[in-house]
């Protein structure tokens, strides 16, 4: 920024003070990444919904139509793959920017934008590190390097994206479940353990449709997606990506069931916390809430449950109302 000369300003004050402006924060990079990953997740979710609503797999006994459907879906799935890779790059930038956003600037100082030493220059005017160098930069400046196996996976992801974007490879097949697993894996390593469902819920609540109309559909969609994940993921993956104990019993989440009552869904997404016979709380990985419970036998005939929602008195095993407390 230049100071306008006048007789009352010292020679030091007349000097130009040039700044790099609009410097992105780590949260800015992460927000963009989460949006990109959600857009990719949306693609898989939408395509899977079409299969379910058409009951395709039920009436397509020989599987020919199902194969044709997923063949036709390769383009949108490829686009989802590209979005995932962009999300990975922004997350790597977010974690590097936590050390310093200036580490992302590329090129020698002499190659910086002209007049950057004499005028304010936006951060976006500077060239930043190439995507292929982000992992190396991350492992150089972060206290804990990325897991080697994860690095190999995202490198394969990057090559697959480049093949889809820059060439035509008819043998390249995008699998919807693999894309969901990739997003979960990326979120686990670059955002945090068992964070994705919370990020997904927040994204659905902030979509244009939710803002313009209501968030009534959010829990219904999330319940469907979580059910799909529980069927798709192996027990170890359920614990790693969703934060649930695969061998522990799951109970109906009272809050989620109320949100989904119009479609008659009672999501079994809650577990005792901690998982022992005396626990008086359940935690739902879908809505992220902890609910107080009473440990008394259910009064409904045939139900062996003993986890009762404490406020309204509803059994979280069979969802029947319980007699009023004495």
C-alpha atoms as a PDB file:
ATOM      1  CA  UNK A   1       0.000   0.000   0.000  1.00  0.00           C
ATOM      2  CA  UNK A   2       1.471   3.347  -0.975  1.00  0.00           C
ATOM      3  CA  UNK A   3       1.390   6.388   1.281  1.00  0.00           C
ATOM      4  CA  UNK A   4       0.584   9.646  -0.486  1.00  0.00           C
ATOM      5  CA  UNK A   5       3.598  11.990  -0.062  1.00  0.00           C
ATOM      6  CA  UNK A   6       3.137  15.264   1.839  1.00  0.00           C
ATOM      7  CA  UNK A   7       5.382  17.573   3.777  1.00  0.00           C
ATOM      8  CA  UNK A   8       4.201  16.248   7.167  1.00  0.00           C
ATOM      9  CA  UNK A   9       5.134  12.588   6.513  1.00  0.00           C
ATOM     10  CA  UNK A  10       8.581  11.245   7.299  1.00  0.00           C
ATOM     11  CA  UNK A  11      10.725   9.594   4.672  1.00  0.00           C
ATOM     12  CA  UNK A  12      10.171   6.229   6.400  1.00  0.00           C
ATOM     13  CA  UNK A  13       6.378   6.619   6.216  1.00  0.00           C
ATOM     14  CA  UNK A  14       6.621   7.371   2.497  1.00  0.00           C
ATOM     15  CA  UNK A  15       7.924   3.841   1.830  1.00  0.00           C
ATOM     16  CA  UNK A  16       5.620   1.303   0.218  1.00  0.00           C
ATOM     17  CA  UNK A  17       4.284  -1.464   2.454  1.00  0.00           C
ATOM     18  CA  UNK A  18       3.350  -4.482   0.324  1.00  0.00           C
ATOM     19  CA  UNK A  19       1.306  -7.324   1.788  1.00  0.00           C
ATOM     20  CA  UNK A  20       0.000 -10.684   0.665  1.00  0.00           C
ATOM     21  CA  UNK A  21      -3.751 -10.391   1.227  1.00  0.00           C
ATOM     22  CA  UNK A  22      -6.740 -12.750   1.425  1.00  0.00           C
ATOM     23  CA  UNK A  23      -4.583 -15.507   2.898  1.00  0.00           C
ATOM     24  CA  UNK A  24      -6.727 -18.673   3.224  1.00  0.00           C
ATOM     25  CA  UNK A  25      -7.106 -20.321   6.604  1.00  0.00           C
ATOM     26  CA  UNK A  26      -6.880 -24.110   7.013  1.00  0.00           C
ATOM     27  CA  UNK A  27     -10.658 -24.137   7.614  1.00  0.00           C
ATOM     28  CA  UNK A  28     -11.205 -22.559   4.184  1.00  0.00           C
ATOM     29  CA  UNK A  29      -9.381 -25.388   2.441  1.00  0.00           C
ATOM     30  CA  UNK A  30     -11.180 -27.997   4.542  1.00  0.00           C
ATOM     31  CA  UNK A  31     -14.629 -26.518   3.881  1.00  0.00           C
ATOM     32  CA  UNK A  32     -14.034 -26.701   0.137  1.00  0.00           C
ATOM     33  CA  UNK A  33     -12.768 -30.271   0.456  1.00  0.00           C
ATOM     34  CA  UNK A  34     -15.786 -31.411   2.478  1.00  0.00           C
ATOM     35  CA  UNK A  35     -18.117 -29.878  -0.102  1.00  0.00           C
ATOM     36  CA  UNK A  36     -16.332 -31.697  -2.944  1.00  0.00           C
ATOM     37  CA  UNK A  37     -16.416 -35.018  -1.102  1.00  0.00           C
ATOM     38  CA  UNK A  38     -20.125 -34.576  -0.381  1.00  0.00           C
ATOM     39  CA  UNK A  39     -20.861 -33.863  -4.035  1.00  0.00           C
ATOM     40  CA  UNK A  40     -19.097 -37.109  -4.932  1.00  0.00           C
ATOM     41  CA  UNK A  41     -21.020 -38.938  -2.196  1.00  0.00           C
ATOM     42  CA  UNK A  42     -24.276 -37.484  -3.560  1.00  0.00           C
ATOM     43  CA  UNK A  43     -23.575 -39.034  -6.953  1.00  0.00           C
ATOM     44  CA  UNK A  44     -23.189 -42.523  -5.528  1.00  0.00           C
ATOM     45  CA  UNK A  45     -26.198 -42.074  -3.259  1.00  0.00           C
ATOM     46  CA  UNK A  46     -28.420 -40.870  -6.096  1.00  0.00           C
ATOM     47  CA  UNK A  47     -27.447 -43.717  -8.417  1.00  0.00           C
ATOM     48  CA  UNK A  48     -27.978 -46.287  -5.661  1.00  0.00           C
ATOM     49  CA  UNK A  49     -31.391 -44.802  -4.863  1.00  0.00           C
ATOM     50  CA  UNK A  50     -32.456 -45.336  -8.487  1.00  0.00           C
ATOM     51  CA  UNK A  51     -31.544 -49.016  -8.240  1.00  0.00           C
ATOM     52  CA  UNK A  52     -33.499 -49.432  -5.011  1.00  0.00           C
ATOM     53  CA  UNK A  53     -36.605 -47.512  -6.079  1.00  0.00           C
ATOM     54  CA  UNK A  54     -36.855 -49.347  -9.394  1.00  0.00           C
ATOM     55  CA  UNK A  55     -36.360 -52.679  -7.572  1.00  0.00           C
ATOM     56  CA  UNK A  56     -33.925 -53.403 -10.360  1.00  0.00           C
ATOM     57  CA  UNK A  57     -32.036 -56.197  -8.655  1.00  0.00           C
ATOM     58  CA  UNK A  58     -35.308 -57.931  -7.679  1.00  0.00           C
ATOM     59  CA  UNK A  59     -36.720 -58.336 -11.181  1.00  0.00           C
ATOM     60  CA  UNK A  60     -33.457 -58.440 -13.176  1.00  0.00           C
ATOM     61  CA  UNK A  61     -32.856 -62.135 -12.570  1.00  0.00           C
ATOM     62  CA  UNK A  62     -30.035 -62.556 -15.084  1.00  0.00           C
ATOM     63  CA  UNK A  63     -28.320 -59.310 -14.083  1.00  0.00           C
ATOM     64  CA  UNK A  64     -28.051 -57.949 -17.630  1.00  0.00           C
ATOM     65  CA  UNK A  65     -30.032 -54.783 -16.938  1.00  0.00           C
ATOM     66  CA  UNK A  66     -28.128 -54.169 -13.715  1.00  0.00           C
ATOM     67  CA  UNK A  67     -24.839 -54.430 -15.599  1.00  0.00           C
ATOM     68  CA  UNK A  68     -26.179 -52.084 -18.274  1.00  0.00           C
ATOM     69  CA  UNK A  69     -27.272 -49.610 -15.596  1.00  0.00           C
ATOM     70  CA  UNK A  70     -23.857 -49.420 -13.934  1.00  0.00           C
ATOM     71  CA  UNK A  71     -22.161 -49.246 -17.333  1.00  0.00           C
ATOM     72  CA  UNK A  72     -24.287 -46.186 -18.115  1.00  0.00           C
ATOM     73  CA  UNK A  73     -23.345 -44.769 -14.708  1.00  0.00           C
ATOM     74  CA  UNK A  74     -19.599 -44.791 -15.397  1.00  0.00           C
ATOM     75  CA  UNK A  75     -19.454 -41.153 -16.505  1.00  0.00           C
ATOM     76  CA  UNK A  76     -21.099 -39.700 -13.387  1.00  0.00           C
ATOM     77  CA  UNK A  77     -19.085 -42.091 -11.225  1.00  0.00           C
ATOM     78  CA  UNK A  78     -15.937 -40.909 -12.999  1.00  0.00           C
ATOM     79  CA  UNK A  79     -16.903 -37.334 -12.233  1.00  0.00           C
ATOM     80  CA  UNK A  80     -17.323 -38.365  -8.594  1.00  0.00           C
ATOM     81  CA  UNK A  81     -13.820 -39.871  -8.689  1.00  0.00           C
ATOM     82  CA  UNK A  82     -12.447 -36.549  -9.925  1.00  0.00           C
ATOM     83  CA  UNK A  83     -14.265 -34.663  -7.174  1.00  0.00           C
ATOM     84  CA  UNK A  84     -12.777 -36.994  -4.563  1.00  0.00           C
ATOM     85  CA  UNK A  85      -9.261 -36.313  -5.811  1.00  0.00           C
ATOM     86  CA  UNK A  86      -9.875 -32.568  -5.669  1.00  0.00           C
ATOM     87  CA  UNK A  87     -11.127 -33.043  -2.127  1.00  0.00           C
ATOM     88  CA  UNK A  88      -7.947 -34.936  -1.206  1.00  0.00           C
ATOM     89  CA  UNK A  89      -5.797 -32.123  -2.559  1.00  0.00           C
ATOM     90  CA  UNK A  90      -7.677 -29.461  -0.609  1.00  0.00           C
ATOM     91  CA  UNK A  91      -7.440 -31.497   2.597  1.00  0.00           C
ATOM     92  CA  UNK A  92      -3.694 -31.909   2.157  1.00  0.00           C
ATOM     93  CA  UNK A  93      -3.490 -28.144   1.690  1.00  0.00           C
ATOM     94  CA  UNK A  94      -5.571 -27.619   4.836  1.00  0.00           C
ATOM     95  CA  UNK A  95      -3.226 -29.711   6.963  1.00  0.00           C
ATOM     96  CA  UNK A  96      -0.124 -28.024   5.455  1.00  0.00           C
ATOM     97  CA  UNK A  97      -1.676 -24.592   5.987  1.00  0.00           C
ATOM     98  CA  UNK A  98      -2.011 -25.428   9.685  1.00  0.00           C
ATOM     99  CA  UNK A  99       1.764 -25.154   9.777  1.00  0.00           C
ATOM    100  CA  UNK A 100       1.809 -22.137   7.433  1.00  0.00           C
ATOM    101  CA  UNK A 101      -0.185 -21.282   4.296  1.00  0.00           C
ATOM    102  CA  UNK A 102       2.992 -19.788   2.810  1.00  0.00           C
ATOM    103  CA  UNK A 103       4.457 -23.295   2.529  1.00  0.00           C
ATOM    104  CA  UNK A 104       2.008 -23.839  -0.326  1.00  0.00           C
ATOM    105  CA  UNK A 105       3.534 -21.051  -2.425  1.00  0.00           C
ATOM    106  CA  UNK A 106       5.621 -22.345  -5.326  1.00  0.00           C
ATOM    107  CA  UNK A 107       8.390 -20.835  -7.443  1.00  0.00           C
ATOM    108  CA  UNK A 108      11.356 -18.694  -6.499  1.00  0.00           C
ATOM    109  CA  UNK A 109      10.708 -15.190  -5.183  1.00  0.00           C
ATOM    110  CA  UNK A 110      11.958 -13.699  -8.468  1.00  0.00           C
ATOM    111  CA  UNK A 111       9.096 -15.490 -10.230  1.00  0.00           C
ATOM    112  CA  UNK A 112       6.376 -14.104  -7.978  1.00  0.00           C
ATOM    113  CA  UNK A 113       3.767 -11.752  -9.494  1.00  0.00           C
ATOM    114  CA  UNK A 114       5.205  -8.516 -10.839  1.00  0.00           C
ATOM    115  CA  UNK A 115       5.146  -5.607  -8.410  1.00  0.00           C
ATOM    116  CA  UNK A 116       4.256  -7.934  -5.504  1.00  0.00           C
ATOM    117  CA  UNK A 117       7.003  -6.205  -3.539  1.00  0.00           C
ATOM    118  CA  UNK A 118       5.450  -2.782  -4.084  1.00  0.00           C
ATOM    119  CA  UNK A 119       1.704  -3.424  -3.952  1.00  0.00           C
ATOM    120  CA  UNK A 120      -0.757  -5.593  -2.065  1.00  0.00           C
ATOM    121  CA  UNK A 121      -1.131  -8.932  -3.851  1.00  0.00           C
ATOM    122  CA  UNK A 122      -3.833 -11.513  -3.329  1.00  0.00           C
ATOM    123  CA  UNK A 123      -2.729 -14.972  -2.251  1.00  0.00           C
ATOM    124  CA  UNK A 124      -4.531 -16.437  -5.261  1.00  0.00           C
ATOM    125  CA  UNK A 125      -2.220 -14.535  -7.633  1.00  0.00           C
ATOM    126  CA  UNK A 126       0.715 -16.668  -6.523  1.00  0.00           C
ATOM    127  CA  UNK A 127       1.339 -20.065  -8.049  1.00  0.00           C
ATOM    128  CA  UNK A 128       0.975 -22.868  -5.509  1.00  0.00           C
ATOM    129  CA  UNK A 129       2.564 -26.295  -5.200  1.00  0.00           C
ATOM    130  CA  UNK A 130       1.556 -28.882  -7.793  1.00  0.00           C
ATOM    131  CA  UNK A 131      -0.891 -31.545  -6.626  1.00  0.00           C
ATOM    132  CA  UNK A 132       1.632 -34.346  -7.140  1.00  0.00           C
ATOM    133  CA  UNK A 133       3.989 -32.697  -4.625  1.00  0.00           C
ATOM    134  CA  UNK A 134       1.480 -32.194  -1.813  1.00  0.00           C
ATOM    135  CA  UNK A 135       2.087 -35.532  -0.091  1.00  0.00           C
ATOM    136  CA  UNK A 136       5.841 -34.949  -0.080  1.00  0.00           C
ATOM    137  CA  UNK A 137       5.350 -31.458   1.318  1.00  0.00           C
ATOM    138  CA  UNK A 138       2.913 -32.773   3.945  1.00  0.00           C
ATOM    139  CA  UNK A 139       5.353 -35.435   5.114  1.00  0.00           C
ATOM    140  CA  UNK A 140       8.142 -32.865   5.264  1.00  0.00           C
ATOM    141  CA  UNK A 141       6.413 -30.240   7.399  1.00  0.00           C
ATOM    142  CA  UNK A 142       3.882 -32.148   9.481  1.00  0.00           C
ATOM    143  CA  UNK A 143       5.001 -33.792  12.756  1.00  0.00           C
ATOM    144  CA  UNK A 144       3.439 -37.132  11.782  1.00  0.00           C
ATOM    145  CA  UNK A 145       3.776 -38.348   8.173  1.00  0.00           C
ATOM    146  CA  UNK A 146       0.916 -39.987   6.339  1.00  0.00           C
ATOM    147  CA  UNK A 147       0.485 -43.736   6.584  1.00  0.00           C
ATOM    148  CA  UNK A 148       2.357 -45.424   3.721  1.00  0.00           C
ATOM    149  CA  UNK A 149      -0.599 -47.578   2.694  1.00  0.00           C
ATOM    150  CA  UNK A 150      -2.871 -44.533   2.622  1.00  0.00           C
ATOM    151  CA  UNK A 151      -0.341 -42.635   0.475  1.00  0.00           C
ATOM    152  CA  UNK A 152      -0.354 -45.519  -1.995  1.00  0.00           C
ATOM    153  CA  UNK A 153      -4.142 -45.477  -2.116  1.00  0.00           C
ATOM    154  CA  UNK A 154      -4.415 -41.751  -2.798  1.00  0.00           C
ATOM    155  CA  UNK A 155      -1.666 -41.992  -5.415  1.00  0.00           C
ATOM    156  CA  UNK A 156      -3.712 -44.683  -7.182  1.00  0.00           C
ATOM    157  CA  UNK A 157      -6.741 -42.416  -6.798  1.00  0.00           C
ATOM    158  CA  UNK A 158      -4.822 -39.532  -8.401  1.00  0.00           C
ATOM    159  CA  UNK A 159      -3.735 -41.682 -11.349  1.00  0.00           C
ATOM    160  CA  UNK A 160      -7.284 -42.968 -11.851  1.00  0.00           C
ATOM    161  CA  UNK A 161      -8.612 -39.401 -11.860  1.00  0.00           C
ATOM    162  CA  UNK A 162      -5.955 -38.320 -14.368  1.00  0.00           C
ATOM    163  CA  UNK A 163      -6.796 -41.238 -16.640  1.00  0.00           C
ATOM    164  CA  UNK A 164     -10.482 -40.325 -16.559  1.00  0.00           C
ATOM    165  CA  UNK A 165      -9.880 -36.605 -17.135  1.00  0.00           C
ATOM    166  CA  UNK A 166      -7.088 -36.669 -19.710  1.00  0.00           C
ATOM    167  CA  UNK A 167      -7.677 -39.819 -21.750  1.00  0.00           C
ATOM    168  CA  UNK A 168     -10.156 -42.517 -22.695  1.00  0.00           C
ATOM    169  CA  UNK A 169      -9.687 -45.909 -21.059  1.00  0.00           C
ATOM    170  CA  UNK A 170     -12.658 -48.164 -21.702  1.00  0.00           C
ATOM    171  CA  UNK A 171     -11.319 -50.754 -19.275  1.00  0.00           C
ATOM    172  CA  UNK A 172     -11.512 -48.297 -16.353  1.00  0.00           C
ATOM    173  CA  UNK A 173     -14.468 -49.156 -14.123  1.00  0.00           C
ATOM    174  CA  UNK A 174     -15.680 -47.030 -11.231  1.00  0.00           C
ATOM    175  CA  UNK A 175     -17.314 -48.985  -8.427  1.00  0.00           C
ATOM    176  CA  UNK A 176     -19.851 -47.039  -6.297  1.00  0.00           C
ATOM    177  CA  UNK A 177     -19.013 -48.850  -3.055  1.00  0.00           C
ATOM    178  CA  UNK A 178     -15.299 -48.263  -3.611  1.00  0.00           C
ATOM    179  CA  UNK A 179     -15.950 -44.545  -4.017  1.00  0.00           C
ATOM    180  CA  UNK A 180     -17.832 -44.406  -0.707  1.00  0.00           C
ATOM    181  CA  UNK A 181     -15.031 -46.348   0.982  1.00  0.00           C
ATOM    182  CA  UNK A 182     -12.467 -43.955  -0.480  1.00  0.00           C
ATOM    183  CA  UNK A 183     -14.309 -40.942   0.933  1.00  0.00           C
ATOM    184  CA  UNK A 184     -14.528 -42.591   4.354  1.00  0.00           C
ATOM    185  CA  UNK A 185     -10.816 -43.427   4.209  1.00  0.00           C
ATOM    186  CA  UNK A 186      -9.825 -39.906   3.165  1.00  0.00           C
ATOM    187  CA  UNK A 187     -11.964 -38.383   5.905  1.00  0.00           C
ATOM    188  CA  UNK A 188     -10.447 -40.743   8.486  1.00  0.00           C
ATOM    189  CA  UNK A 189      -6.849 -39.881   7.637  1.00  0.00           C
ATOM    190  CA  UNK A 190      -7.099 -36.191   6.754  1.00  0.00           C
ATOM    191  CA  UNK A 191      -9.989 -34.933   8.925  1.00  0.00           C
ATOM    192  CA  UNK A 192     -10.268 -37.310  11.848  1.00  0.00           C
ATOM    193  CA  UNK A 193     -11.584 -40.712  12.997  1.00  0.00           C
ATOM    194  CA  UNK A 194     -15.351 -41.264  12.628  1.00  0.00           C
ATOM    195  CA  UNK A 195     -15.968 -37.671  11.486  1.00  0.00           C
ATOM    196  CA  UNK A 196     -17.675 -38.289   8.155  1.00  0.00           C
ATOM    197  CA  UNK A 197     -21.269 -38.920   9.246  1.00  0.00           C
ATOM    198  CA  UNK A 198     -21.314 -35.660  11.221  1.00  0.00           C
ATOM    199  CA  UNK A 199     -19.931 -33.790   8.210  1.00  0.00           C
ATOM    200  CA  UNK A 200     -22.476 -35.475   5.958  1.00  0.00           C
ATOM    201  CA  UNK A 201     -25.340 -34.497   8.269  1.00  0.00           C
ATOM    202  CA  UNK A 202     -24.175 -30.871   8.387  1.00  0.00           C
ATOM    203  CA  UNK A 203     -23.876 -30.811   4.601  1.00  0.00           C
ATOM    204  CA  UNK A 204     -27.397 -32.168   4.072  1.00  0.00           C
ATOM    205  CA  UNK A 205     -28.779 -29.605   6.515  1.00  0.00           C
ATOM    206  CA  UNK A 206     -27.146 -26.789   4.549  1.00  0.00           C
ATOM    207  CA  UNK A 207     -28.164 -27.766   1.008  1.00  0.00           C
ATOM    208  CA  UNK A 208     -30.253 -25.251  -0.980  1.00  0.00           C
ATOM    209  CA  UNK A 209     -33.290 -27.559  -0.731  1.00  0.00           C
ATOM    210  CA  UNK A 210     -33.027 -27.750   3.069  1.00  0.00           C
ATOM    211  CA  UNK A 211     -32.713 -23.974   3.282  1.00  0.00           C
ATOM    212  CA  UNK A 212     -35.568 -23.266   0.882  1.00  0.00           C
ATOM    213  CA  UNK A 213     -37.953 -25.861   2.283  1.00  0.00           C
ATOM    214  CA  UNK A 214     -36.991 -27.721   5.467  1.00  0.00           C
ATOM    215  CA  UNK A 215     -34.549 -30.254   6.869  1.00  0.00           C
ATOM    216  CA  UNK A 216     -37.286 -32.884   7.235  1.00  0.00           C
ATOM    217  CA  UNK A 217     -35.676 -35.169   4.664  1.00  0.00           C
ATOM    218  CA  UNK A 218     -32.178 -35.001   6.149  1.00  0.00           C
ATOM    219  CA  UNK A 219     -32.584 -37.741   8.743  1.00  0.00           C
ATOM    220  CA  UNK A 220     -34.484 -39.971   6.323  1.00  0.00           C
ATOM    221  CA  UNK A 221     -31.682 -39.735   3.774  1.00  0.00           C
ATOM    222  CA  UNK A 222     -29.027 -40.172   6.444  1.00  0.00           C
ATOM    223  CA  UNK A 223     -30.806 -43.212   7.894  1.00  0.00           C
ATOM    224  CA  UNK A 224     -30.830 -44.839   4.462  1.00  0.00           C
ATOM    225  CA  UNK A 225     -27.161 -44.063   3.871  1.00  0.00           C
ATOM    226  CA  UNK A 226     -26.114 -45.340   7.299  1.00  0.00           C
ATOM    227  CA  UNK A 227     -28.058 -48.563   6.752  1.00  0.00           C
ATOM    228  CA  UNK A 228     -26.257 -49.017   3.437  1.00  0.00           C
ATOM    229  CA  UNK A 229     -22.914 -48.430   5.133  1.00  0.00           C
ATOM    230  CA  UNK A 230     -23.630 -50.984   7.852  1.00  0.00           C
ATOM    231  CA  UNK A 231     -24.397 -53.579   5.174  1.00  0.00           C
ATOM    232  CA  UNK A 232     -21.376 -52.613   3.065  1.00  0.00           C
ATOM    233  CA  UNK A 233     -18.623 -52.208   5.642  1.00  0.00           C
ATOM    234  CA  UNK A 234     -16.757 -55.001   7.340  1.00  0.00           C
ATOM    235  CA  UNK A 235     -16.865 -55.037  11.166  1.00  0.00           C
ATOM    236  CA  UNK A 236     -13.395 -53.504  11.475  1.00  0.00           C
ATOM    237  CA  UNK A 237     -14.360 -50.775   8.979  1.00  0.00           C
ATOM    238  CA  UNK A 238     -17.535 -50.000  10.938  1.00  0.00           C
ATOM    239  CA  UNK A 239     -15.443 -49.304  14.004  1.00  0.00           C
ATOM    240  CA  UNK A 240     -12.800 -47.361  12.087  1.00  0.00           C
ATOM    241  CA  UNK A 241     -15.056 -45.153   9.980  1.00  0.00           C
ATOM    242  CA  UNK A 242     -18.287 -44.950  12.004  1.00  0.00           C
ATOM    243  CA  UNK A 243     -16.964 -45.256  15.547  1.00  0.00           C
ATOM    244  CA  UNK A 244     -19.291 -48.097  16.516  1.00  0.00           C
ATOM    245  CA  UNK A 245     -18.485 -51.408  18.169  1.00  0.00           C
ATOM    246  CA  UNK A 246     -19.420 -54.078  15.615  1.00  0.00           C
ATOM    247  CA  UNK A 247     -20.005 -56.785  18.238  1.00  0.00           C
ATOM    248  CA  UNK A 248     -22.059 -54.561  20.547  1.00  0.00           C
ATOM    249  CA  UNK A 249     -25.826 -54.373  20.262  1.00  0.00           C
ATOM    250  CA  UNK A 250     -27.357 -51.408  18.472  1.00  0.00           C
ATOM    251  CA  UNK A 251     -30.524 -49.748  19.762  1.00  0.00           C
ATOM    252  CA  UNK A 252     -33.131 -47.503  18.179  1.00  0.00           C
ATOM    253  CA  UNK A 253     -32.136 -43.863  18.471  1.00  0.00           C
ATOM    254  CA  UNK A 254     -35.192 -42.133  19.919  1.00  0.00           C
ATOM    255  CA  UNK A 255     -34.331 -38.760  18.386  1.00  0.00           C
ATOM    256  CA  UNK A 256     -33.703 -40.199  14.922  1.00  0.00           C
ATOM    257  CA  UNK A 257     -36.861 -42.323  15.098  1.00  0.00           C
ATOM    258  CA  UNK A 258     -38.942 -39.210  15.800  1.00  0.00           C
ATOM    259  CA  UNK A 259     -37.332 -37.449  12.843  1.00  0.00           C
ATOM    260  CA  UNK A 260     -38.114 -40.428  10.600  1.00  0.00           C
ATOM    261  CA  UNK A 261     -41.586 -41.258  11.928  1.00  0.00           C
ATOM    262  CA  UNK A 262     -43.384 -40.075   8.758  1.00  0.00           C
ATOM    263  CA  UNK A 263     -41.804 -42.899   6.764  1.00  0.00           C
ATOM    264  CA  UNK A 264     -41.944 -45.426   9.584  1.00  0.00           C
ATOM    265  CA  UNK A 265     -38.176 -45.820   9.976  1.00  0.00           C
ATOM    266  CA  UNK A 266     -36.686 -46.571  13.392  1.00  0.00           C
ATOM    267  CA  UNK A 267     -32.907 -46.313  12.868  1.00  0.00           C
ATOM    268  CA  UNK A 268     -30.931 -48.689  15.085  1.00  0.00           C
ATOM    269  CA  UNK A 269     -27.839 -46.491  15.238  1.00  0.00           C
ATOM    270  CA  UNK A 270     -27.301 -46.091  18.998  1.00  0.00           C
ATOM    271  CA  UNK A 271     -25.081 -48.042  21.369  1.00  0.00           C
ATOM    272  CA  UNK A 272     -24.563 -48.052  25.109  1.00  0.00           C
ATOM    273  CA  UNK A 273     -21.857 -45.666  26.210  1.00  0.00           C
ATOM    274  CA  UNK A 274     -19.811 -47.204  27.681  1.00  0.00           C
ATOM    275  CA  UNK A 275     -20.817 -50.649  26.518  1.00  0.00           C
ATOM    276  CA  UNK A 276     -21.555 -52.350  29.835  1.00  0.00           C
ATOM    277  CA  UNK A 277     -24.649 -53.616  31.716  1.00  0.00           C
ATOM    278  CA  UNK A 278     -24.819 -50.574  34.009  1.00  0.00           C
ATOM    279  CA  UNK A 279     -24.585 -47.824  31.377  1.00  0.00           C
ATOM    280  CA  UNK A 280     -27.322 -45.190  31.542  1.00  0.00           C
ATOM    281  CA  UNK A 281     -26.580 -43.478  28.242  1.00  0.00           C
ATOM    282  CA  UNK A 282     -26.712 -44.405  24.591  1.00  0.00           C
ATOM    283  CA  UNK A 283     -24.827 -42.582  21.855  1.00  0.00           C
ATOM    284  CA  UNK A 284     -26.057 -42.416  18.249  1.00  0.00           C
ATOM    285  CA  UNK A 285     -23.378 -42.177  15.590  1.00  0.00           C
ATOM    286  CA  UNK A 286     -25.959 -40.951  13.068  1.00  0.00           C
ATOM    287  CA  UNK A 287     -27.240 -37.843  14.872  1.00  0.00           C
ATOM    288  CA  UNK A 288     -24.295 -37.453  17.240  1.00  0.00           C
ATOM    289  CA  UNK A 289     -26.458 -37.167  20.362  1.00  0.00           C
ATOM    290  CA  UNK A 290     -26.215 -38.884  23.730  1.00  0.00           C
ATOM    291  CA  UNK A 291     -29.524 -39.961  25.265  1.00  0.00           C
ATOM    292  CA  UNK A 292     -30.182 -40.852  28.911  1.00  0.00           C
ATOM    293  CA  UNK A 293     -31.812 -44.251  29.452  1.00  0.00           C
ATOM    294  CA  UNK A 294     -33.250 -46.273  32.321  1.00  0.00           C
ATOM    295  CA  UNK A 295     -32.017 -49.835  32.725  1.00  0.00           C
ATOM    296  CA  UNK A 296     -35.297 -51.600  33.488  1.00  0.00           C
ATOM    297  CA  UNK A 297     -37.044 -54.507  31.736  1.00  0.00           C
ATOM    298  CA  UNK A 298     -39.410 -53.626  28.902  1.00  0.00           C
ATOM    299  CA  UNK A 299     -43.075 -54.095  29.836  1.00  0.00           C
ATOM    300  CA  UNK A 300     -44.027 -55.252  26.326  1.00  0.00           C
ATOM    301  CA  UNK A 301     -44.746 -58.959  26.056  1.00  0.00           C
ATOM    302  CA  UNK A 302     -42.024 -60.857  24.263  1.00  0.00           C
ATOM    303  CA  UNK A 303     -39.482 -58.046  24.353  1.00  0.00           C
ATOM    304  CA  UNK A 304     -36.310 -58.774  26.295  1.00  0.00           C
ATOM    305  CA  UNK A 305     -35.024 -55.194  26.096  1.00  0.00           C
ATOM    306  CA  UNK A 306     -33.927 -53.288  29.172  1.00  0.00           C
ATOM    307  CA  UNK A 307     -32.846 -49.972  27.662  1.00  0.00           C
ATOM    308  CA  UNK A 308     -35.672 -47.452  28.066  1.00  0.00           C
ATOM    309  CA  UNK A 309     -35.539 -43.820  26.933  1.00  0.00           C
ATOM    310  CA  UNK A 310     -35.529 -41.912  30.209  1.00  0.00           C
ATOM    311  CA  UNK A 311     -37.768 -38.926  29.427  1.00  0.00           C
ATOM    312  CA  UNK A 312     -40.705 -40.295  27.423  1.00  0.00           C
ATOM    313  CA  UNK A 313     -40.380 -43.931  28.501  1.00  0.00           C
ATOM    314  CA  UNK A 314     -39.985 -45.725  25.192  1.00  0.00           C
ATOM    315  CA  UNK A 315     -38.210 -49.047  24.795  1.00  0.00           C
ATOM    316  CA  UNK A 316     -35.248 -48.642  22.450  1.00  0.00           C
ATOM    317  CA  UNK A 317     -35.436 -52.303  21.481  1.00  0.00           C
ATOM    318  CA  UNK A 318     -39.078 -52.634  20.364  1.00  0.00           C
ATOM    319  CA  UNK A 319     -40.045 -48.928  20.510  1.00  0.00           C
ATOM    320  CA  UNK A 320     -43.142 -49.574  22.614  1.00  0.00           C
ATOM    321  CA  UNK A 321     -44.388 -47.048  25.211  1.00  0.00           C
ATOM    322  CA  UNK A 322     -43.741 -48.033  28.793  1.00  0.00           C
ATOM    323  CA  UNK A 323     -46.002 -47.560  31.842  1.00  0.00           C
ATOM    324  CA  UNK A 324     -45.471 -44.255  33.672  1.00  0.00           C
ATOM    325  CA  UNK A 325     -42.809 -44.246  36.359  1.00  0.00           C
ATOM    326  CA  UNK A 326     -44.013 -44.537  39.941  1.00  0.00           C
END
